[in-house]
Amino acid sequence: MSTAQHKNGAVRETPDRYGAFPRLTPEQLQDLTAHGERRRTTEGEVLYREGEPFREFLAILSGTVEILQDHGGPEERTVAVHGPGRFLGELGMLEGQAAFDTAVVREAGEILAVPVERQRTLVGRDPVLGDLILRAYLGRRYLLIGLGAGFRILGSCYSRDTLRLREFAARNRLPHRWLDLERDKEAEALLRRFSIRPEETPVVLWKGERVLRNPSNAELARLIGLPAPTPKAAQCDVMVVGAGPAGLAAAVYGASDGLTTISVDAVATGGQAGTSSRIENYLGFPSGISGGELIERAVLQAHKFGARLMVPAQVNRLIQQDDEYVVTFTDGPQVRADAVVLASGVRYRRLEVPGIDRLEGISVYYAATVHEASLCEADPVAVVGGGNSAGQAALFLAHHASRVHLLVRGSDLNADMSRYLVDQVERHPKIEALLHTEIRGVSGKEKLESLIVEDNANSELRKLRAAALFVFIGARPRTEWLRGVLALDEKGFILTGADALATADATRWDSLGRGPLLLETSLPGVFAAGDVRSGSVKRVASATGEGAMAIRLVHEHREKAGNLVRTAGPEGPRP
């Protein structure tokens, strides 16, 4: 008997406690009818299957539909049951990913079916309907993540490749479940069931039948439906490297201005902002917004205007050829572009403490998402860092851990943390802020058990019990591949504007009759935006603004370089 049924066989609808299962109004259903078709359903009919792409947006007119995980498998369970007025699907429908669950008709009735491409257009055109669907789909995605739905990663907690796959899944907000070979009894049974040798792990199990043995990130992306690069060479007006706030803003504004725009990222859309549990000082969101939701909204905007996003795609070379640039990827493909926006962001610095390497990915983390928080429920944890990222992480983890030790090297929280965060941290009963404190050692055989910390004001050592450590101690730029190509500062950040001109070959600019524009690097037509740029303000809003500004400067460069004719009309680029 399904978990969604009463003893008398009647199917009960899942209540909408978190806004993930809203109803469409009669007016909205009527408007959708003009774009789709009404269709009768039969009991037991499968409307869409786990692992297959969504083809239609489905709204229920009558009858009930049950959403199942692992349909027909040994772990089948109900995710939700929907009745008249509700609609089906989740975030993957809007982003072209495969379905992570299966929809089965439990009580025959009638549905309204709208082709996915037409529905995506409607979402962009109708802000009320679009916001309703997007919020519901975001809620359903996080519900699936919390349930451990989707694919399974089977591997050892000591394996670097297991850590790589888990990070890729978490950063891309993909529903999945990790089974640790070292601790999970189910893992051994699965090894036998699929005839997997331990040395072949980690493996990804999909739909209870497909096995990928130690796949690359690109192979996993193709399995799920993420748009990885194609082997064919591509041509575009603007190539954006990096898909954090700056890169996504550049993609949105570039595509909306009519420029053919390609945006790539080595790991996931969102950058460091995508891992933020709550951003409360972003303009226009007075109650705050999670990094994941902000990024998903930006991704949908980019798709709406026609930008092409490719993840994962690791860029390894930038070559100038005449008036164009060739950007090549580690796995072979290349893109030719008139202009390039570098928005590759930064990566968190790792903590230099003896013995910490063996615990990274097991109980030492450089992001605080739902995935990491679920691994340390009801245990004490420590967060090291004094900036906004550390403060946001501490507040988020306080909802899961029994206690949060916030370890700050300096003597004043206000030095690097926004005042609103300082107030919340100091008031929270579960957070203990330890100032002028540094980590000197870690202990624990298989996972972190405790920390040795030192008060750098009096050299006093103490032991803190902690089941996990979250590190936010600054960042370094992702510019290794740009050394010797364009001008960088002493820390590796990209120089722009007047700073770039001071280090550039002056003859390079003679033919243009100008020096570098405000965000332009030492290469004409190559711009830098966001955290990767030297002197930038490390804030989400600032990065977003720079991404938009970079596109305006791209237009200015193209006008002076004489190559605007391909995409602009007689009046120039659209505002």
Protein backbone atom coordinates (compact mmCIF):
# COMPACT_ATOMS: atom_id res chain seq x y z
CA MET A 1 0.00 0.00 0.00
CA SER A 2 1.32 3.43 -0.87
CA THR A 3 2.29 5.66 2.03
CA ALA A 4 -0.12 8.24 0.60
CA GLN A 5 -3.20 6.05 1.13
CA HIS A 6 -5.63 5.67 4.00
CA LYS A 7 -6.58 2.17 5.09
CA ASN A 8 -9.78 2.45 3.08
CA GLY A 9 -7.76 3.07 -0.09
CA ALA A 10 -8.53 6.77 -0.48
CA VAL A 11 -5.60 8.95 -1.49
CA ARG A 12 -5.01 12.00 0.69
CA GLU A 13 -3.41 15.13 -0.65
CA THR A 14 -0.13 16.38 0.82
CA PRO A 15 -0.71 19.62 2.74
CA ASP A 16 1.14 22.70 1.53
CA ARG A 17 3.05 23.67 4.68
CA TYR A 18 6.05 25.33 3.03
CA GLY A 19 4.68 26.92 -0.14
CA ALA A 20 6.02 24.14 -2.38
CA PHE A 21 2.57 22.89 -3.44
CA PRO A 22 0.41 25.93 -4.30
CA ARG A 23 -2.74 25.87 -6.43
CA LEU A 24 -3.29 27.73 -9.65
CA THR A 25 -6.31 30.01 -9.71
CA PRO A 26 -9.16 29.27 -12.16
CA GLU A 27 -8.04 32.33 -14.13
CA GLN A 28 -4.46 31.04 -14.38
CA LEU A 29 -5.68 27.62 -15.50
CA GLN A 30 -7.87 29.28 -18.10
CA ASP A 31 -4.94 31.30 -19.42
CA LEU A 32 -2.78 28.15 -19.64
CA THR A 33 -5.50 26.29 -21.52
CA ALA A 34 -4.92 28.52 -24.54
CA HIS A 35 -1.33 27.21 -24.75
CA GLY A 36 -1.88 23.49 -24.11
CA GLU A 37 -4.42 20.71 -24.31
CA ARG A 38 -6.78 18.99 -21.88
CA ARG A 39 -6.21 15.25 -21.56
CA ARG A 40 -8.00 12.46 -19.71
CA THR A 41 -5.93 10.29 -17.37
CA THR A 42 -6.27 6.69 -16.25
CA GLU A 43 -5.43 5.11 -12.90
CA GLY A 44 -1.81 3.91 -12.82
CA GLU A 45 -0.76 6.04 -15.80
CA VAL A 46 2.82 7.33 -15.58
CA LEU A 47 2.95 11.01 -16.57
CA TYR A 48 6.72 11.34 -16.41
CA ARG A 49 9.56 9.11 -15.17
CA GLU A 50 12.64 9.58 -13.04
CA GLY A 51 15.71 9.99 -15.23
CA GLU A 52 13.83 11.18 -18.31
CA PRO A 53 13.60 14.80 -19.48
CA PHE A 54 10.42 16.78 -18.84
CA ARG A 55 8.40 17.32 -22.01
CA GLU A 56 5.27 18.96 -20.63
CA PHE A 57 4.14 21.22 -17.83
CA LEU A 58 1.17 19.41 -16.26
CA ALA A 59 -1.62 20.97 -14.19
CA ILE A 60 -4.30 18.79 -12.56
CA LEU A 61 -7.89 19.63 -13.43
CA SER A 62 -9.43 16.61 -11.67
CA GLY A 63 -8.23 13.40 -10.02
CA THR A 64 -5.00 12.93 -8.02
CA VAL A 65 -1.35 12.30 -8.90
CA GLU A 66 1.28 10.73 -6.64
CA ILE A 67 4.94 11.75 -6.88
CA LEU A 68 7.24 8.80 -6.15
CA GLN A 69 10.92 8.31 -5.55
CA ASP A 70 12.48 5.06 -6.82
CA HIS A 71 9.20 4.04 -8.51
CA GLY A 72 8.98 0.26 -8.78
CA GLY A 73 12.22 -0.20 -6.86
CA PRO A 74 12.94 -1.61 -3.40
CA GLU A 75 13.04 1.88 -1.84
CA GLU A 76 9.88 3.31 -3.40
CA ARG A 77 8.33 6.05 -1.30
CA THR A 78 5.88 8.89 -1.71
CA VAL A 79 7.21 12.44 -2.07
CA ALA A 80 3.81 14.15 -2.41
CA VAL A 81 0.23 13.71 -3.60
CA HIS A 82 -1.45 16.45 -5.63
CA GLY A 83 -5.10 17.17 -6.36
CA PRO A 84 -7.06 19.57 -8.59
CA GLY A 85 -5.50 22.98 -9.14
CA ARG A 86 -1.94 21.88 -8.40
CA PHE A 87 0.81 21.50 -10.98
CA LEU A 88 3.60 18.93 -11.35
CA GLY A 89 7.35 19.07 -11.86
CA GLU A 90 10.28 20.73 -10.11
CA LEU A 91 13.27 22.93 -10.88
CA GLY A 92 14.73 20.54 -13.47
CA MET A 93 11.79 21.34 -15.76
CA LEU A 94 12.87 24.97 -16.08
CA GLU A 95 16.57 24.19 -16.45
CA GLY A 96 16.42 21.25 -18.87
CA GLN A 97 17.49 18.60 -16.37
CA ALA A 98 16.16 15.07 -16.05
CA ALA A 99 13.32 14.36 -13.62
CA PHE A 100 14.36 13.24 -10.16
CA ASP A 101 11.03 11.53 -9.39
CA THR A 102 8.08 9.83 -11.11
CA ALA A 103 4.45 11.02 -11.40
CA VAL A 104 1.73 8.33 -11.31
CA VAL A 105 -2.03 8.88 -11.60
CA ARG A 106 -3.80 7.50 -8.51
CA GLU A 107 -7.32 8.70 -9.22
CA ALA A 108 -8.29 9.10 -12.87
CA GLY A 109 -9.33 12.55 -14.01
CA GLU A 110 -8.11 15.25 -16.36
CA ILE A 111 -4.88 17.20 -16.78
CA LEU A 112 -3.81 20.26 -18.71
CA ALA A 113 -0.57 19.67 -20.67
CA VAL A 114 1.56 22.58 -21.93
CA PRO A 115 4.78 21.89 -23.91
CA VAL A 116 7.81 22.74 -21.76
CA GLU A 117 9.28 25.31 -24.15
CA ARG A 118 5.97 27.16 -24.32
CA GLN A 119 5.63 27.05 -20.55
CA ARG A 120 9.12 28.50 -20.06
CA THR A 121 8.10 31.42 -22.28
CA LEU A 122 4.94 31.95 -20.25
CA VAL A 123 6.92 31.94 -16.99
CA GLY A 124 9.14 34.72 -18.32
CA ARG A 125 6.19 36.70 -19.66
CA ASP A 126 3.82 36.49 -16.65
CA PRO A 127 5.62 37.67 -13.48
CA VAL A 128 2.86 36.50 -11.10
CA LEU A 129 2.63 33.01 -12.59
CA GLY A 130 6.38 32.85 -13.04
CA ASP A 131 7.10 33.71 -9.41
CA LEU A 132 4.51 31.21 -8.16
CA ILE A 133 5.97 28.37 -10.23
CA LEU A 134 9.60 29.27 -9.49
CA ARG A 135 9.07 29.43 -5.72
CA ALA A 136 7.21 26.12 -5.78
CA TYR A 137 9.91 24.46 -7.87
CA LEU A 138 12.70 25.78 -5.63
CA GLY A 139 10.86 24.44 -2.58
CA ARG A 140 10.41 21.05 -4.23
CA ARG A 141 14.08 20.89 -5.19
CA TYR A 142 15.17 21.45 -1.60
CA LEU A 143 12.56 18.95 -0.41
CA LEU A 144 14.08 16.33 -2.73
CA ILE A 145 17.57 17.19 -1.49
CA GLY A 146 16.42 16.77 2.11
CA LEU A 147 14.83 13.40 1.29
CA GLY A 148 18.02 12.12 -0.32
CA ALA A 149 16.21 11.57 -3.61
CA GLY A 150 17.91 11.46 -7.00
CA PHE A 151 21.12 9.58 -7.74
CA ARG A 152 23.36 7.88 -5.18
CA ILE A 153 27.08 8.40 -4.74
CA LEU A 154 28.70 5.25 -3.38
CA GLY A 155 32.25 5.81 -2.15
CA SER A 156 34.66 6.08 0.75
CA CYS A 157 34.80 9.19 2.88
CA TYR A 158 38.60 9.01 2.45
CA SER A 159 38.42 9.16 -1.37
CA ARG A 160 39.26 12.44 -3.12
CA ASP A 161 37.03 11.45 -6.04
CA THR A 162 34.12 10.83 -3.68
CA LEU A 163 34.65 14.32 -2.27
CA ARG A 164 34.79 15.74 -5.82
CA LEU A 165 31.48 14.15 -6.83
CA ARG A 166 29.76 15.17 -3.60
CA GLU A 167 30.97 18.77 -3.97
CA PHE A 168 29.82 18.89 -7.60
CA ALA A 169 26.36 17.59 -6.68
CA ALA A 170 26.00 19.92 -3.69
CA ARG A 171 27.26 23.03 -5.53
CA ASN A 172 24.85 22.38 -8.42
CA ARG A 173 21.99 21.81 -5.98
CA LEU A 174 21.32 18.31 -7.34
CA PRO A 175 19.23 15.84 -5.28
CA HIS A 176 21.44 12.93 -4.28
CA ARG A 177 22.44 10.67 -1.40
CA TRP A 178 25.93 9.66 -0.33
CA LEU A 179 26.55 6.15 0.96
CA ASP A 180 29.86 5.88 2.82
CA LEU A 181 31.67 2.60 2.15
CA GLU A 182 33.32 2.90 5.55
CA ARG A 183 30.17 3.19 7.64
CA ASP A 184 26.98 2.44 5.69
CA LYS A 185 25.84 -1.18 5.78
CA GLU A 186 23.71 -0.63 2.69
CA ALA A 187 26.83 0.21 0.68
CA GLU A 188 28.23 -3.31 0.90
CA ALA A 189 24.95 -4.81 -0.29
CA LEU A 190 24.91 -2.45 -3.27
CA LEU A 191 28.48 -3.40 -4.20
CA ARG A 192 27.41 -7.03 -4.38
CA ARG A 193 24.13 -6.27 -6.19
CA PHE A 194 25.85 -4.36 -9.00
CA SER A 195 29.07 -6.45 -9.03
CA ILE A 196 31.20 -3.42 -8.20
CA ARG A 197 34.74 -3.99 -6.97
CA PRO A 198 35.86 -1.63 -4.16
CA GLU A 199 38.69 -0.28 -6.33
CA GLU A 200 36.10 0.83 -8.92
CA THR A 201 34.50 3.23 -6.46
CA PRO A 202 33.27 5.88 -6.20
CA VAL A 203 30.31 5.06 -8.39
CA VAL A 204 27.10 6.89 -9.20
CA LEU A 205 23.87 4.85 -9.21
CA TRP A 206 20.99 6.28 -11.22
CA LYS A 207 17.41 4.97 -11.38
CA GLY A 208 18.44 1.80 -9.54
CA GLU A 209 19.99 0.36 -12.69
CA ARG A 210 22.62 2.58 -14.30
CA VAL A 211 26.15 2.58 -12.87
CA LEU A 212 28.87 5.16 -13.60
CA ARG A 213 32.25 4.04 -12.28
CA ASN A 214 34.27 7.02 -10.98
CA PRO A 215 32.73 9.41 -13.51
CA SER A 216 34.16 12.80 -14.31
CA ASN A 217 32.08 15.84 -13.40
CA ALA A 218 31.23 16.25 -17.08
CA GLU A 219 29.96 12.66 -17.31
CA LEU A 220 27.75 13.18 -14.26
CA ALA A 221 26.50 16.46 -15.75
CA ARG A 222 25.51 14.76 -18.99
CA LEU A 223 23.68 12.04 -17.03
CA ILE A 224 21.54 14.63 -15.23
CA GLY A 225 21.08 16.90 -18.22
CA LEU A 226 23.34 19.82 -17.32
CA PRO A 227 24.56 21.61 -20.48
CA ALA A 228 28.21 20.56 -20.67
CA PRO A 229 30.34 21.78 -23.64
CA THR A 230 29.95 20.12 -27.02
CA PRO A 231 33.01 19.00 -29.02
CA LYS A 232 32.19 21.46 -31.83
CA ALA A 233 33.85 24.88 -31.88
CA ALA A 234 31.50 27.78 -31.15
CA GLN A 235 31.44 31.46 -32.08
CA CYS A 236 29.94 34.21 -29.95
CA ASP A 237 30.00 37.93 -29.33
CA VAL A 238 30.76 37.63 -25.61
CA MET A 239 32.37 34.76 -23.73
CA VAL A 240 31.83 34.91 -19.94
CA VAL A 241 34.21 32.80 -17.85
CA GLY A 242 32.62 32.10 -14.48
CA ALA A 243 28.96 31.82 -13.47
CA GLY A 244 28.83 33.47 -10.07
CA PRO A 245 26.88 36.71 -9.52
CA ALA A 246 29.22 38.74 -11.78
CA GLY A 247 29.25 36.14 -14.55
CA LEU A 248 25.50 35.57 -14.47
CA ALA A 249 24.84 39.33 -14.52
CA ALA A 250 27.10 39.63 -17.57
CA ALA A 251 25.26 36.73 -19.23
CA VAL A 252 21.84 38.24 -18.52
CA TYR A 253 22.73 41.76 -19.71
CA GLY A 254 24.75 40.53 -22.68
CA ALA A 255 21.99 38.25 -23.97
CA SER A 256 19.26 40.82 -23.27
CA ASP A 257 21.24 43.36 -25.34
CA GLY A 258 21.14 41.00 -28.31
CA LEU A 259 24.73 39.74 -28.05
CA THR A 260 25.29 36.04 -28.59
CA THR A 261 26.53 35.09 -25.13
CA ILE A 262 28.16 31.95 -23.75
CA SER A 263 28.85 31.57 -20.03
CA VAL A 264 30.88 28.71 -18.55
CA ASP A 265 31.92 27.57 -15.10
CA ALA A 266 34.28 24.83 -13.97
CA VAL A 267 32.06 23.56 -11.14
CA ALA A 268 28.60 25.13 -10.82
CA THR A 269 26.51 28.21 -11.37
CA GLY A 270 26.54 30.48 -8.35
CA GLY A 271 30.16 30.58 -7.27
CA GLN A 272 30.69 31.17 -3.56
CA ALA A 273 27.40 33.08 -3.36
CA GLY A 274 25.51 29.92 -4.28
CA THR A 275 26.66 28.27 -1.06
CA SER A 276 25.45 31.13 1.16
CA SER A 277 22.59 30.09 3.42
CA ARG A 278 21.16 33.61 3.66
CA ILE A 279 21.95 36.99 2.08
CA GLU A 280 20.16 39.70 4.02
CA ASN A 281 21.72 42.89 2.68
CA TYR A 282 20.98 42.37 -1.03
CA LEU A 283 18.90 45.20 -2.46
CA GLY A 284 15.25 44.32 -3.04
CA PHE A 285 15.00 41.38 -0.64
CA PRO A 286 14.18 42.90 2.77
CA SER A 287 13.57 39.48 4.36
CA GLY A 288 16.75 38.05 2.81
CA ILE A 289 17.24 35.39 0.16
CA SER A 290 19.30 32.22 0.08
CA GLY A 291 22.25 32.12 -2.28
CA GLY A 292 20.72 29.11 -4.02
CA GLU A 293 17.45 30.88 -4.78
CA LEU A 294 19.18 34.05 -5.96
CA ILE A 295 21.35 32.05 -8.35
CA GLU A 296 18.49 29.91 -9.68
CA ARG A 297 16.56 33.08 -10.49
CA ALA A 298 19.58 34.49 -12.32
CA VAL A 299 20.08 31.25 -14.27
CA LEU A 300 16.46 31.32 -15.42
CA GLN A 301 16.85 34.97 -16.49
CA ALA A 302 19.93 34.08 -18.52
CA HIS A 303 18.06 31.23 -20.23
CA LYS A 304 15.08 33.52 -20.86
CA PHE A 305 17.20 35.96 -22.89
CA GLY A 306 18.99 33.21 -24.80
CA ALA A 307 22.37 33.02 -23.07
CA ARG A 308 24.04 29.61 -23.29
CA LEU A 309 25.31 28.30 -19.94
CA MET A 310 27.75 25.39 -19.85
CA VAL A 311 28.65 23.53 -16.62
CA PRO A 312 31.11 22.01 -15.95
CA ALA A 313 33.58 23.57 -18.37
CA GLN A 314 37.18 24.13 -17.28
CA VAL A 315 38.90 26.90 -19.27
CA ASN A 316 42.65 26.55 -19.65
CA ARG A 317 43.81 29.03 -22.33
CA LEU A 318 43.04 32.51 -23.66
CA ILE A 319 44.63 33.29 -27.04
CA GLN A 320 44.38 36.51 -29.03
CA GLN A 321 43.94 36.00 -32.78
CA ASP A 322 43.59 39.22 -34.79
CA ASP A 323 40.51 41.02 -33.40
CA GLU A 324 39.12 37.91 -31.68
CA TYR A 325 39.93 35.70 -28.73
CA VAL A 326 40.01 31.92 -28.64
CA VAL A 327 39.08 30.33 -25.33
CA THR A 328 39.95 26.64 -25.04
CA PHE A 329 38.78 24.01 -22.55
CA THR A 330 40.74 21.23 -20.88
CA ASP A 331 38.74 18.55 -22.69
CA GLY A 332 39.34 19.97 -26.17
CA PRO A 333 36.52 22.26 -27.39
CA GLN A 334 37.08 25.95 -27.98
CA VAL A 335 35.05 29.13 -28.37
CA ARG A 336 35.90 32.15 -30.51
CA ALA A 337 34.66 35.47 -29.12
CA ASP A 338 34.84 39.15 -29.97
CA ALA A 339 35.04 40.01 -26.27
CA VAL A 340 35.64 38.12 -23.03
CA VAL A 341 34.42 38.83 -19.51
CA LEU A 342 36.52 37.15 -16.81
CA ALA A 343 34.35 36.52 -13.74
CA SER A 344 35.92 33.33 -12.42
CA GLY A 345 35.71 34.45 -8.81
CA VAL A 346 37.78 33.08 -5.97
CA ARG A 347 38.21 29.89 -4.00
CA TYR A 348 38.37 29.76 -0.23
CA ARG A 349 41.79 29.53 1.36
CA ARG A 350 42.53 26.30 3.15
CA LEU A 351 43.48 26.22 6.79
CA GLU A 352 47.13 25.34 7.44
CA VAL A 353 46.83 23.08 10.47
CA PRO A 354 48.70 19.75 10.91
CA GLY A 355 46.49 16.74 10.15
CA ILE A 356 43.58 18.73 8.69
CA ASP A 357 44.06 17.45 5.12
CA ARG A 358 42.81 13.95 5.96
CA LEU A 359 39.58 15.40 7.38
CA GLU A 360 38.68 17.66 4.46
CA GLY A 361 35.36 16.63 2.97
CA ILE A 362 34.74 14.29 5.90
CA SER A 363 34.23 16.79 8.70
CA VAL A 364 36.17 19.86 7.53
CA TYR A 365 34.27 21.94 4.97
CA TYR A 366 34.69 25.16 3.00
CA ALA A 367 30.97 25.74 2.47
CA ALA A 368 27.91 25.52 4.72
CA THR A 369 24.96 24.22 2.69
CA VAL A 370 22.01 21.98 3.58
CA HIS A 371 24.16 19.00 2.62
CA GLU A 372 26.96 19.74 5.12
CA ALA A 373 24.52 20.79 7.84
CA SER A 374 22.67 17.47 7.58
CA LEU A 375 25.90 15.64 8.45
CA CYS A 376 26.30 17.34 11.83
CA GLU A 377 22.78 17.41 13.27
CA ALA A 378 22.67 17.92 17.06
CA ASP A 379 26.49 18.05 17.38
CA PRO A 380 28.69 21.02 18.29
CA VAL A 381 30.55 22.58 15.34
CA ALA A 382 33.13 25.31 14.80
CA VAL A 383 33.29 28.08 12.20
CA VAL A 384 36.58 29.87 11.63
CA GLY A 385 36.61 33.34 10.09
CA GLY A 386 35.54 36.90 10.86
CA GLY A 387 33.82 38.03 7.66
CA ASN A 388 30.24 37.94 6.42
CA SER A 389 30.56 34.41 5.05
CA ALA A 390 31.56 33.11 8.46
CA GLY A 391 28.75 35.01 10.18
CA GLN A 392 26.13 33.74 7.74
CA ALA A 393 27.42 30.18 8.12
CA ALA A 394 27.32 30.38 11.93
CA LEU A 395 23.71 31.56 11.92
CA PHE A 396 22.67 28.88 9.44
CA LEU A 397 24.44 26.06 11.31
CA ALA A 398 22.89 27.17 14.60
CA HIS A 399 19.59 25.79 13.26
CA HIS A 400 21.16 22.32 13.02
CA ALA A 401 24.03 21.99 15.50
CA SER A 402 23.76 21.88 19.28
CA ARG A 403 26.33 24.68 19.53
CA VAL A 404 28.42 26.81 17.17
CA HIS A 405 31.89 28.09 18.14
CA LEU A 406 32.77 31.09 15.95
CA LEU A 407 36.58 31.38 15.99
CA VAL A 408 37.89 34.83 15.04
CA ARG A 409 41.59 35.68 14.87
CA GLY A 410 41.02 39.40 15.46
CA SER A 411 39.72 41.20 18.52
CA ASP A 412 36.58 42.80 17.03
CA LEU A 413 33.71 41.19 15.08
CA ASN A 414 32.88 44.58 13.58
CA ALA A 415 36.23 44.77 11.80
CA ASP A 416 35.20 42.60 8.82
CA MET A 417 31.56 41.64 9.44
CA SER A 418 28.48 43.72 8.63
CA ARG A 419 26.79 45.25 11.66
CA TYR A 420 23.48 43.47 11.07
CA LEU A 421 25.28 40.10 11.16
CA VAL A 422 27.27 41.01 14.26
CA ASP A 423 24.03 41.84 16.08
CA GLN A 424 22.45 38.50 15.13
CA VAL A 425 25.55 36.50 16.02
CA GLU A 426 25.93 38.15 19.42
CA ARG A 427 22.25 37.62 20.26
CA HIS A 428 22.00 34.00 19.19
CA PRO A 429 21.94 31.65 22.21
CA LYS A 430 23.67 28.81 20.35
CA ILE A 431 26.62 30.82 19.02
CA GLU A 432 29.75 31.48 21.07
CA ALA A 433 32.10 34.00 19.47
CA LEU A 434 35.71 33.41 20.56
CA LEU A 435 37.85 36.42 19.63
CA HIS A 436 41.66 36.47 19.13
CA THR A 437 41.44 32.68 18.72
CA GLU A 438 43.33 30.47 16.26
CA ILE A 439 43.29 26.72 15.61
CA ARG A 440 46.51 24.92 16.40
CA GLY A 441 45.51 21.27 16.10
CA VAL A 442 42.75 18.78 15.29
CA SER A 443 42.00 15.36 16.74
CA GLY A 444 39.85 12.43 15.70
CA LYS A 445 40.68 9.15 13.97
CA GLU A 446 38.01 8.82 11.31
CA LYS A 447 36.34 12.22 11.66
CA LEU A 448 36.85 15.42 13.62
CA GLU A 449 36.22 15.10 17.35
CA SER A 450 37.89 18.17 18.85
CA LEU A 451 40.06 21.21 18.18
CA ILE A 452 43.03 22.68 19.98
CA VAL A 453 42.71 26.46 19.90
CA GLU A 454 45.01 29.21 21.15
CA ASP A 455 44.14 32.62 22.52
CA ASN A 456 46.69 34.71 20.59
CA ALA A 457 46.48 37.46 23.22
CA ASN A 458 47.84 35.34 26.10
CA SER A 459 49.00 32.10 24.35
CA GLU A 460 46.53 30.04 26.41
CA LEU A 461 45.52 26.71 24.82
CA ARG A 462 42.15 25.03 25.24
CA LYS A 463 40.29 22.07 23.80
CA LEU A 464 36.93 22.48 22.05
CA ARG A 465 34.62 19.58 21.20
CA ALA A 466 33.50 19.87 17.57
CA ALA A 467 32.12 17.29 15.13
CA ALA A 468 32.71 19.52 12.11
CA LEU A 469 34.78 22.54 11.15
CA PHE A 470 33.69 25.15 8.60
CA VAL A 471 36.47 27.36 7.23
CA PHE A 472 35.95 30.89 5.86
CA ILE A 473 39.33 32.63 6.06
CA GLY A 474 39.51 34.62 2.84
CA ALA A 475 40.04 33.56 -0.73
CA ARG A 476 42.49 33.46 -3.61
CA PRO A 477 41.61 34.21 -7.24
CA ARG A 478 41.09 31.56 -9.92
CA THR A 479 43.69 33.02 -12.28
CA GLU A 480 46.45 30.39 -12.52
CA TRP A 481 45.68 29.91 -16.23
CA LEU A 482 46.05 33.65 -16.91
CA ARG A 483 49.62 34.12 -15.66
CA GLY A 484 51.76 35.49 -18.49
CA VAL A 485 48.63 36.28 -20.53
CA LEU A 486 47.47 39.51 -18.89
CA ALA A 487 48.48 41.70 -15.95
CA LEU A 488 47.83 40.42 -12.41
CA ASP A 489 48.61 42.01 -9.05
CA GLU A 490 50.94 40.44 -6.49
CA LYS A 491 48.11 38.27 -5.12
CA GLY A 492 46.98 37.05 -8.53
CA PHE A 493 43.92 39.30 -8.95
CA ILE A 494 43.34 40.81 -12.40
CA LEU A 495 44.39 44.43 -12.93
CA THR A 496 41.97 46.65 -14.82
CA GLY A 497 41.65 50.23 -16.04
CA ALA A 498 44.46 52.60 -15.09
CA ASP A 499 46.21 49.85 -13.07
CA ALA A 500 46.28 47.62 -16.16
CA LEU A 501 47.56 50.44 -18.36
CA ALA A 502 50.51 50.99 -16.04
CA THR A 503 51.72 47.43 -16.72
CA ALA A 504 50.57 46.99 -20.34
CA ASP A 505 52.41 47.36 -23.64
CA ALA A 506 51.37 50.87 -24.71
CA THR A 507 51.67 50.02 -28.43
CA ARG A 508 48.87 47.47 -28.00
CA TRP A 509 46.38 50.32 -27.59
CA ASP A 510 47.65 52.66 -30.34
CA SER A 511 45.35 51.30 -33.03
CA LEU A 512 42.33 51.86 -30.77
CA GLY A 513 43.33 55.40 -29.85
CA ARG A 514 42.48 54.82 -26.20
CA GLY A 515 43.66 53.14 -23.00
CA PRO A 516 41.88 50.39 -21.07
CA LEU A 517 38.29 51.08 -20.07
CA LEU A 518 37.29 50.98 -16.40
CA LEU A 519 36.95 47.17 -16.13
CA GLU A 520 39.19 46.32 -19.09
CA THR A 521 42.35 44.29 -18.54
CA SER A 522 45.73 44.71 -20.20
CA LEU A 523 44.20 42.99 -23.27
CA PRO A 524 41.75 45.07 -25.36
CA GLY A 525 38.29 43.51 -25.30
CA VAL A 526 38.97 41.37 -22.23
CA PHE A 527 37.20 42.58 -19.09
CA ALA A 528 37.22 41.46 -15.45
CA ALA A 529 34.28 41.66 -13.05
CA GLY A 530 33.54 40.61 -9.49
CA ASP A 531 35.81 39.06 -6.90
CA VAL A 532 38.53 38.08 -9.40
CA ARG A 533 39.25 41.74 -10.18
CA SER A 534 41.95 43.56 -8.24
CA GLY A 535 40.43 46.16 -5.94
CA SER A 536 36.87 44.88 -6.20
CA VAL A 537 34.45 45.05 -3.27
CA LYS A 538 33.79 41.47 -2.18
CA ARG A 539 30.00 41.71 -2.07
CA VAL A 540 27.30 40.01 -4.13
CA ALA A 541 25.68 43.30 -5.12
CA SER A 542 29.00 44.76 -6.22
CA ALA A 543 29.81 41.69 -8.32
CA THR A 544 26.39 41.85 -9.96
CA GLY A 545 26.86 45.52 -10.77
CA GLU A 546 30.30 44.94 -12.27
CA GLY A 547 28.97 42.12 -14.44
CA ALA A 548 26.32 44.44 -15.87
CA MET A 549 28.84 47.28 -16.28
CA ALA A 550 31.25 44.98 -18.12
CA ILE A 551 28.65 44.44 -20.86
CA ARG A 552 28.20 48.19 -21.32
CA LEU A 553 31.97 48.46 -21.74
CA VAL A 554 31.93 45.54 -24.18
CA HIS A 555 29.58 47.59 -26.37
CA GLU A 556 31.94 50.57 -26.16
CA HIS A 557 34.90 48.41 -27.12
CA ARG A 558 33.05 46.83 -30.04
CA GLU A 559 31.95 50.24 -31.38
CA LYS A 560 35.53 51.47 -31.45
CA ALA A 561 36.88 48.17 -32.76
CA GLY A 562 34.41 48.29 -35.67
CA ASN A 563 32.91 44.86 -35.11
CA LEU A 564 29.47 45.79 -33.80
CA VAL A 565 27.65 45.25 -37.11
CA ARG A 566 26.91 41.54 -36.56
CA THR A 567 24.38 41.97 -33.77
CA ALA A 568 23.40 45.63 -33.60
CA GLY A 569 20.77 47.36 -35.68
CA PRO A 570 21.12 50.81 -37.28
CA GLU A 571 20.59 52.47 -33.90
CA GLY A 572 23.25 50.44 -32.10
CA PRO A 573 22.82 48.02 -29.21
CA ARG A 574 19.57 47.94 -27.33
CA PRO A 575 19.67 49.48 -23.84
